[in-house]
Amino acid sequence: MTDILVSHLLDQERHYKLADTMIPGQSKLLYQLNRFVTERVSARRAGIQKTVREVCKVVTDILKEVEVQEPRFISSLVETDTARFEGLTVVSPMEFEIVLFLNQMGVFNFVDDGSVPGCAVLKLSDGRKRSMSLWVEFITASGYLSARKIRSRFQTLVAQAVDKCKYRDIVKMIADTTEVKLRIRERYVVLITPAFKCSGIWPRSAAHWPMPHIPWPNPALVAEVKTEGFNLLSKESPAQAGKQSSAEGDAWVLSFSDAENKLLQGGCRKKCLSILKSLRDKHLDMPGQPVRNYHLKTLLLYECEKHPREIEWDETCLGDRLNGILLQMISCLQNRRCPHYFLTGLDLFQSQPHAELDQAAKQIWRIAREILTNPKSLEKL
């Protein structure tokens, strides 16, 4: 069996070498990118899928125990028909975020006045409705549903569940954070975030989107995205770093992950993001994590605006789009600013040490230069 596998790999290598000598210069980069996807991106994806299964098995057990203690925290971690888990985001191959959607936001108004960048508050629509809320003990004297209070209660419940669950020997709660973070097998970190889904409304702080003079996305897609809405997460945000006033603690972080994923459908957009993530894992997993997958996703959305026509996202343009995003990332790192796609007043590099940003810029410049001058470098990158 091993001999057959070795023989197959040698045949494949001969095929790549033969093809490489026959392809004209312009197509060599696309050829190498497709090879990179087949060999490296696919291996990364398979490895992550395996890890996700293991992580979700452990987290599901813990959340079941939480639900027994407190029926208001019902697990929304569900496996879909496509073997994905609803509500799970891969931050990196070793780091995951699971969103736990809460019920009954009904008696609260969504208030988005921009006082805390990237955040909003939930305020009782009428003081008399306090007792009608499922979350009555987490409502402040001013009538706000406190994200911090809910998170604190959830953290206590998860800590108790970890002690009781069958995986307690391999799971630890991470201390020194108000967030609910687990370390599994000393290798994987999982953030579990309580959240509310906000459908059919759109935040005022993102009202400028889409820009009127840019033809992408088309009106039908815009309508779809805005109807889908956004999520409010109970987590620490960069805007809250170092601030402990009650307003910041009570605020909920705005998240547009579903909207972003919907916008990246079609053409080679997702393929482009997969390549960028693979390059990030190998070359940009640096101290302080100056470049995360979310930065790459954000710049990919800006690239969609710069190249609004679908023909510009044809497979044949993959190399150009990749190059454009890498150069844009260098510019953002050098200017020490990466604006959020929907909330342009929010800087994704906020509170990131400048030395780390400069180091990342040098590394990306090295990668971009190698890909541009020698497409075959992708075999070693």
Protein backbone atom coordinates (compact mmCIF):
# COMPACT_ATOMS: atom_id res chain seq x y z
CA MET A 1 0.00 0.00 0.00
CA THR A 2 2.85 2.36 0.93
CA ASP A 3 4.60 1.63 -2.42
CA ILE A 4 1.42 2.54 -4.31
CA LEU A 5 1.13 5.81 -2.37
CA VAL A 6 4.79 6.72 -3.00
CA SER A 7 4.37 5.87 -6.68
CA HIS A 8 1.26 8.06 -6.87
CA LEU A 9 3.08 11.00 -5.23
CA LEU A 10 6.04 10.63 -7.63
CA ASP A 11 3.66 10.57 -10.63
CA GLN A 12 1.96 13.69 -9.29
CA GLU A 13 5.33 15.45 -8.87
CA ARG A 14 6.36 14.50 -12.46
CA HIS A 15 3.00 15.84 -13.69
CA TYR A 16 3.57 19.19 -11.93
CA LYS A 17 7.13 19.49 -13.30
CA LEU A 18 6.01 18.69 -16.85
CA ALA A 19 3.08 21.10 -16.66
CA ASP A 20 5.32 23.82 -15.26
CA THR A 21 7.57 23.73 -18.35
CA MET A 22 4.56 24.03 -20.70
CA ILE A 23 2.66 26.90 -19.01
CA PRO A 24 3.18 30.48 -20.29
CA GLY A 25 4.52 33.03 -17.76
CA GLN A 26 1.21 34.78 -17.11
CA SER A 27 -0.52 31.57 -16.04
CA LYS A 28 2.32 30.20 -13.93
CA LEU A 29 1.18 32.05 -10.82
CA LEU A 30 -2.40 30.77 -11.14
CA TYR A 31 -1.09 27.26 -11.70
CA GLN A 32 1.10 27.47 -8.57
CA LEU A 33 -1.76 28.99 -6.53
CA ASN A 34 -4.08 26.14 -7.53
CA ARG A 35 -1.39 23.66 -6.59
CA PHE A 36 -0.99 25.47 -3.24
CA VAL A 37 -4.75 25.12 -2.66
CA THR A 38 -4.75 21.41 -3.58
CA GLU A 39 -1.81 20.54 -1.37
CA ARG A 40 -1.61 23.04 1.48
CA VAL A 41 -5.03 24.66 1.89
CA SER A 42 -6.80 21.29 1.71
CA ALA A 43 -4.46 19.78 4.32
CA ARG A 44 -5.05 22.79 6.61
CA ARG A 45 -8.83 22.48 6.19
CA ALA A 46 -8.81 18.73 6.91
CA GLY A 47 -6.71 19.25 10.04
CA ILE A 48 -9.03 21.99 11.31
CA GLN A 49 -12.15 19.90 10.66
CA LYS A 50 -10.71 17.10 12.75
CA THR A 51 -9.87 19.52 15.59
CA VAL A 52 -13.32 21.17 15.40
CA ARG A 53 -15.00 17.78 15.89
CA GLU A 54 -12.89 17.09 18.96
CA VAL A 55 -13.42 20.59 20.40
CA CYS A 56 -17.19 20.56 19.77
CA LYS A 57 -17.59 17.17 21.44
CA VAL A 58 -16.04 18.58 24.63
CA VAL A 59 -17.88 21.94 24.51
CA THR A 60 -21.25 20.26 23.81
CA ASP A 61 -20.83 18.15 26.94
CA ILE A 62 -20.01 21.22 29.04
CA LEU A 63 -22.91 23.26 27.62
CA LYS A 64 -25.35 20.41 28.33
CA GLU A 65 -24.31 20.58 31.97
CA VAL A 66 -24.69 24.40 31.94
CA GLU A 67 -28.22 24.03 30.57
CA VAL A 68 -29.14 21.61 33.38
CA GLN A 69 -28.01 24.22 35.94
CA GLU A 70 -29.50 27.20 34.12
CA PRO A 71 -32.13 26.57 31.37
CA ARG A 72 -31.79 30.16 30.05
CA PHE A 73 -28.38 29.27 28.60
CA ILE A 74 -29.43 26.80 25.89
CA SER A 75 -26.66 25.53 23.61
CA SER A 76 -27.04 26.69 20.00
CA LEU A 77 -23.99 24.72 18.80
CA VAL A 78 -25.49 22.63 16.00
CA GLU A 79 -23.86 20.56 13.27
CA THR A 80 -25.24 21.41 9.81
CA ASP A 81 -25.84 19.13 6.79
CA THR A 82 -22.48 20.26 5.39
CA ALA A 83 -20.62 18.95 8.51
CA ARG A 84 -20.04 22.50 9.76
CA PHE A 85 -20.99 23.77 13.20
CA GLU A 86 -23.41 26.69 13.33
CA GLY A 87 -22.03 29.48 15.50
CA LEU A 88 -18.39 28.34 15.41
CA THR A 89 -15.62 30.56 14.02
CA VAL A 90 -12.08 29.35 13.39
CA VAL A 91 -9.80 32.11 14.70
CA SER A 92 -6.70 29.99 13.95
CA PRO A 93 -6.03 26.22 13.79
CA MET A 94 -5.59 26.26 17.59
CA GLU A 95 -8.15 28.92 18.53
CA PHE A 96 -11.94 28.91 18.14
CA GLU A 97 -14.91 31.04 19.09
CA ILE A 98 -18.35 29.55 19.75
CA VAL A 99 -21.33 31.90 19.92
CA LEU A 100 -24.14 30.89 22.28
CA PHE A 101 -27.35 32.59 21.12
CA LEU A 102 -29.69 33.68 23.90
CA ASN A 103 -33.49 33.97 23.64
CA GLN A 104 -35.96 36.78 24.29
CA MET A 105 -34.45 40.14 23.55
CA GLY A 106 -38.01 41.42 23.02
CA VAL A 107 -38.49 43.99 25.80
CA PHE A 108 -35.25 45.85 24.96
CA ASN A 109 -34.52 48.60 22.47
CA PHE A 110 -31.26 48.49 20.53
CA VAL A 111 -29.41 51.77 21.19
CA ASP A 112 -26.47 52.53 18.93
CA ASP A 113 -25.30 56.08 19.68
CA GLY A 114 -21.58 55.54 19.01
CA SER A 115 -20.53 56.37 22.58
CA VAL A 116 -18.57 53.10 22.76
CA PRO A 117 -16.95 52.41 19.34
CA GLY A 118 -17.98 49.04 17.89
CA CYS A 119 -20.57 48.48 20.62
CA ALA A 120 -24.24 49.09 21.38
CA VAL A 121 -26.51 48.81 24.42
CA LEU A 122 -29.83 47.11 25.08
CA LYS A 123 -32.21 49.33 27.06
CA LEU A 124 -35.60 48.43 28.50
CA SER A 125 -38.25 49.84 26.16
CA ASP A 126 -40.40 50.62 29.21
CA GLY A 127 -39.36 50.44 32.88
CA ARG A 128 -42.59 48.65 33.72
CA LYS A 129 -41.49 45.73 31.53
CA ARG A 130 -38.50 44.88 33.76
CA SER A 131 -40.30 41.94 35.40
CA MET A 132 -41.33 40.63 31.95
CA SER A 133 -37.72 40.07 30.95
CA LEU A 134 -36.21 36.61 31.03
CA TRP A 135 -32.97 38.33 32.12
CA VAL A 136 -34.44 40.49 34.91
CA GLU A 137 -31.53 40.19 37.39
CA PHE A 138 -29.00 41.35 34.76
CA ILE A 139 -30.78 44.68 34.13
CA THR A 140 -28.99 47.69 35.64
CA ALA A 141 -30.72 50.44 37.66
CA SER A 142 -30.65 52.58 34.49
CA GLY A 143 -32.54 49.89 32.56
CA TYR A 144 -29.66 48.44 30.53
CA LEU A 145 -29.16 44.72 29.99
CA SER A 146 -25.57 44.30 31.19
CA ALA A 147 -23.34 42.22 28.90
CA ARG A 148 -20.77 41.97 31.70
CA LYS A 149 -23.28 40.66 34.29
CA ILE A 150 -24.58 37.98 31.91
CA ARG A 151 -21.02 36.98 31.03
CA SER A 152 -20.06 36.79 34.71
CA ARG A 153 -22.99 34.47 35.48
CA PHE A 154 -22.20 32.34 32.43
CA GLN A 155 -18.54 32.11 33.48
CA THR A 156 -19.55 30.76 36.91
CA LEU A 157 -21.85 28.17 35.32
CA VAL A 158 -19.18 27.00 32.83
CA ALA A 159 -16.58 26.69 35.63
CA GLN A 160 -18.99 24.44 37.58
CA ALA A 161 -19.81 22.42 34.44
CA VAL A 162 -16.10 21.88 33.68
CA ASP A 163 -15.63 20.37 37.16
CA LYS A 164 -18.54 17.96 36.61
CA CYS A 165 -18.12 16.95 32.96
CA LYS A 166 -16.47 13.74 31.79
CA TYR A 167 -13.69 15.72 30.06
CA ARG A 168 -12.59 17.54 33.23
CA ASP A 169 -9.08 16.00 33.03
CA ILE A 170 -8.37 17.65 29.69
CA VAL A 171 -10.22 20.99 30.10
CA LYS A 172 -9.20 24.06 32.10
CA MET A 173 -10.86 27.46 32.47
CA ILE A 174 -8.46 30.27 31.52
CA ALA A 175 -8.24 32.77 34.37
CA ASP A 176 -7.38 36.53 34.25
CA THR A 177 -10.19 37.37 31.78
CA THR A 178 -13.88 38.24 32.14
CA GLU A 179 -14.53 36.11 29.04
CA VAL A 180 -15.37 32.40 29.09
CA LYS A 181 -12.23 30.76 27.72
CA LEU A 182 -11.33 27.09 27.85
CA ARG A 183 -8.01 25.38 27.21
CA ILE A 184 -8.46 21.84 25.87
CA ARG A 185 -5.64 19.27 26.01
CA GLU A 186 -3.21 22.14 26.70
CA ARG A 187 -3.37 22.86 22.94
CA TYR A 188 -6.65 24.43 21.89
CA VAL A 189 -8.28 27.62 23.16
CA VAL A 190 -12.05 28.03 22.87
CA LEU A 191 -13.89 31.27 23.62
CA ILE A 192 -17.62 30.78 24.32
CA THR A 193 -19.56 34.01 23.87
CA PRO A 194 -23.19 34.69 24.90
CA ALA A 195 -24.95 36.67 22.15
CA PHE A 196 -28.22 37.97 20.74
CA LYS A 197 -29.15 37.68 17.06
CA CYS A 198 -30.57 40.92 15.65
CA SER A 199 -32.44 40.24 12.41
CA GLY A 200 -34.33 42.73 10.28
CA ILE A 201 -32.58 45.81 11.71
CA TRP A 202 -29.34 47.55 10.80
CA PRO A 203 -27.12 49.58 13.17
CA ARG A 204 -26.93 53.35 12.77
CA SER A 205 -23.12 53.22 13.09
CA ALA A 206 -23.05 51.17 9.85
CA ALA A 207 -25.65 53.32 8.06
CA HIS A 208 -23.04 54.70 5.61
CA TRP A 209 -22.72 51.19 4.10
CA PRO A 210 -22.74 50.56 1.22
CA MET A 211 -20.87 53.58 -0.13
CA PRO A 212 -23.17 55.26 -2.70
CA HIS A 213 -20.55 55.64 -5.46
CA ILE A 214 -19.36 52.00 -5.40
CA PRO A 215 -21.30 49.47 -7.54
CA TRP A 216 -20.48 46.51 -5.25
CA PRO A 217 -22.38 44.85 -3.68
CA ASN A 218 -25.48 45.00 -5.87
CA PRO A 219 -28.77 46.29 -4.32
CA ALA A 220 -30.29 42.78 -4.02
CA LEU A 221 -27.29 41.52 -2.04
CA VAL A 222 -27.31 44.64 0.16
CA ALA A 223 -31.00 44.07 0.98
CA GLU A 224 -30.28 40.41 1.81
CA VAL A 225 -27.36 41.32 4.11
CA LYS A 226 -29.34 44.01 5.94
CA THR A 227 -32.31 41.67 6.46
CA GLU A 228 -29.94 39.03 7.85
CA GLY A 229 -28.81 41.67 10.38
CA PHE A 230 -25.98 41.28 12.87
CA ASN A 231 -25.14 39.84 16.29
CA LEU A 232 -24.51 41.43 19.68
CA LEU A 233 -21.76 39.66 21.62
CA SER A 234 -20.96 39.72 25.33
CA LYS A 235 -17.18 39.95 25.10
CA GLU A 236 -14.28 42.31 25.72
CA SER A 237 -13.57 44.67 22.84
CA PRO A 238 -10.43 46.71 22.04
CA ALA A 239 -12.49 49.87 22.65
CA GLN A 240 -13.10 48.69 26.21
CA ALA A 241 -9.46 47.83 26.91
CA GLY A 242 -8.31 49.48 30.11
CA LYS A 243 -11.71 51.05 30.74
CA GLN A 244 -13.87 49.80 33.53
CA SER A 245 -16.77 52.26 33.57
CA SER A 246 -20.18 50.60 33.75
CA ALA A 247 -21.21 51.97 30.33
CA GLU A 248 -18.44 50.02 28.60
CA GLY A 249 -19.05 46.88 30.67
CA ASP A 250 -22.79 46.90 29.99
CA ALA A 251 -22.28 47.40 26.23
CA TRP A 252 -22.49 44.58 23.66
CA VAL A 253 -19.97 44.17 20.83
CA LEU A 254 -21.37 44.41 17.29
CA SER A 255 -20.53 41.44 15.05
CA PHE A 256 -21.22 41.15 11.32
CA SER A 257 -19.80 37.67 10.67
CA ASP A 258 -22.92 36.37 8.86
CA ALA A 259 -23.08 39.50 6.68
CA GLU A 260 -19.37 39.21 5.83
CA ASN A 261 -19.70 35.55 4.87
CA LYS A 262 -22.69 36.32 2.64
CA LEU A 263 -20.73 39.07 0.85
CA LEU A 264 -17.82 36.72 0.14
CA GLN A 265 -19.91 34.24 -1.86
CA GLY A 266 -19.08 33.81 -5.54
CA GLY A 267 -15.99 34.02 -7.73
CA CYS A 268 -12.61 33.24 -6.20
CA ARG A 269 -13.25 35.28 -3.02
CA LYS A 270 -13.31 32.36 -0.56
CA LYS A 271 -10.42 30.66 -2.33
CA CYS A 272 -8.42 33.87 -1.97
CA LEU A 273 -9.20 34.01 1.77
CA SER A 274 -8.22 30.34 2.23
CA ILE A 275 -4.81 31.00 0.64
CA LEU A 276 -4.27 34.07 2.83
CA LYS A 277 -5.17 32.11 5.98
CA SER A 278 -2.70 29.34 5.09
CA LEU A 279 0.06 31.90 4.51
CA ARG A 280 -0.82 33.63 7.79
CA ASP A 281 -0.63 30.38 9.77
CA LYS A 282 2.87 29.61 8.54
CA HIS A 283 4.47 33.05 8.31
CA LEU A 284 2.47 35.51 10.42
CA ASP A 285 1.74 33.59 13.61
CA MET A 286 3.84 36.13 15.51
CA PRO A 287 3.98 37.34 19.14
CA GLY A 288 0.99 39.56 19.90
CA GLN A 289 -0.86 38.29 16.80
CA PRO A 290 -0.67 41.59 14.84
CA VAL A 291 -2.28 39.93 11.78
CA ARG A 292 -5.31 37.76 12.39
CA ASN A 293 -7.67 36.03 9.97
CA TYR A 294 -10.24 38.76 10.62
CA HIS A 295 -7.84 41.44 9.29
CA LEU A 296 -7.42 39.40 6.09
CA LYS A 297 -11.19 38.96 5.73
CA THR A 298 -11.68 42.73 6.22
CA LEU A 299 -9.16 43.65 3.53
CA LEU A 300 -10.70 41.09 1.18
CA LEU A 301 -14.02 42.97 1.53
CA TYR A 302 -12.29 46.26 0.70
CA GLU A 303 -10.69 44.56 -2.34
CA CYS A 304 -14.22 43.59 -3.47
CA GLU A 305 -15.12 47.29 -3.47
CA LYS A 306 -11.99 48.21 -5.43
CA HIS A 307 -12.81 45.50 -8.01
CA PRO A 308 -16.62 45.53 -8.15
CA ARG A 309 -17.14 43.56 -11.37
CA GLU A 310 -17.64 39.80 -11.09
CA ILE A 311 -15.22 39.25 -13.98
CA GLU A 312 -12.47 40.65 -11.73
CA TRP A 313 -13.09 37.73 -9.37
CA ASP A 314 -12.69 35.09 -12.04
CA GLU A 315 -10.14 32.34 -11.28
CA THR A 316 -7.70 33.92 -13.74
CA CYS A 317 -7.55 37.07 -11.55
CA LEU A 318 -6.72 35.19 -8.33
CA GLY A 319 -3.04 36.22 -8.36
CA ASP A 320 -3.88 39.91 -8.88
CA ARG A 321 -6.45 39.94 -6.07
CA LEU A 322 -4.07 38.17 -3.69
CA ASN A 323 -1.30 40.62 -4.52
CA GLY A 324 -3.66 43.59 -4.02
CA ILE A 325 -4.67 42.41 -0.54
CA LEU A 326 -1.08 41.73 0.57
CA LEU A 327 0.02 45.21 -0.56
CA GLN A 328 -3.01 46.79 1.14
CA MET A 329 -2.15 44.93 4.34
CA ILE A 330 1.42 46.29 4.23
CA SER A 331 0.00 49.81 3.83
CA CYS A 332 -2.38 49.34 6.79
CA LEU A 333 0.41 47.98 9.00
CA GLN A 334 2.76 50.84 8.08
CA ASN A 335 0.02 53.43 8.70
CA ARG A 336 -0.90 51.56 11.91
CA ARG A 337 -4.59 51.59 11.03
CA CYS A 338 -7.00 48.95 9.71
CA PRO A 339 -10.60 50.24 9.65
CA HIS A 340 -13.42 47.75 10.30
CA TYR A 341 -15.35 47.13 7.09
CA PHE A 342 -18.80 48.12 8.41
CA LEU A 343 -17.75 50.36 11.30
CA THR A 344 -15.05 52.49 9.70
CA GLY A 345 -14.52 54.51 12.89
CA LEU A 346 -13.30 51.33 14.60
CA ASP A 347 -9.58 50.59 14.14
CA LEU A 348 -8.77 46.87 14.20
CA PHE A 349 -5.13 47.66 15.07
CA GLN A 350 -6.10 49.69 18.13
CA SER A 351 -3.77 49.15 21.11
CA GLN A 352 -1.44 46.93 19.02
CA PRO A 353 2.26 47.74 19.71
CA HIS A 354 3.85 49.52 16.73
CA ALA A 355 6.95 47.29 16.78
CA GLU A 356 4.72 44.22 16.20
CA LEU A 357 2.93 45.92 13.28
CA ASP A 358 6.28 46.90 11.71
CA GLN A 359 7.57 43.33 12.05
CA ALA A 360 4.44 41.96 10.36
CA ALA A 361 4.74 44.51 7.51
CA LYS A 362 8.32 43.34 6.78
CA GLN A 363 7.24 39.71 6.77
CA ILE A 364 4.29 40.33 4.41
CA TRP A 365 6.51 42.35 2.10
CA ARG A 366 8.89 39.37 1.92
CA ILE A 367 6.01 37.01 1.06
CA ALA A 368 4.50 39.38 -1.57
CA ARG A 369 7.89 39.95 -3.22
CA GLU A 370 8.62 36.22 -3.43
CA ILE A 371 5.22 35.41 -4.96
CA LEU A 372 5.50 38.27 -7.48
CA THR A 373 9.06 37.59 -8.62
CA ASN A 374 8.93 33.81 -8.53
CA PRO A 375 5.56 32.00 -8.51
CA LYS A 376 7.39 28.69 -7.81
CA SER A 377 8.27 30.09 -4.37
CA LEU A 378 4.74 29.05 -3.33
CA GLU A 379 6.04 25.48 -3.23
CA LYS A 380 8.20 26.46 -0.26
CA LEU A 381 6.16 29.29 1.28
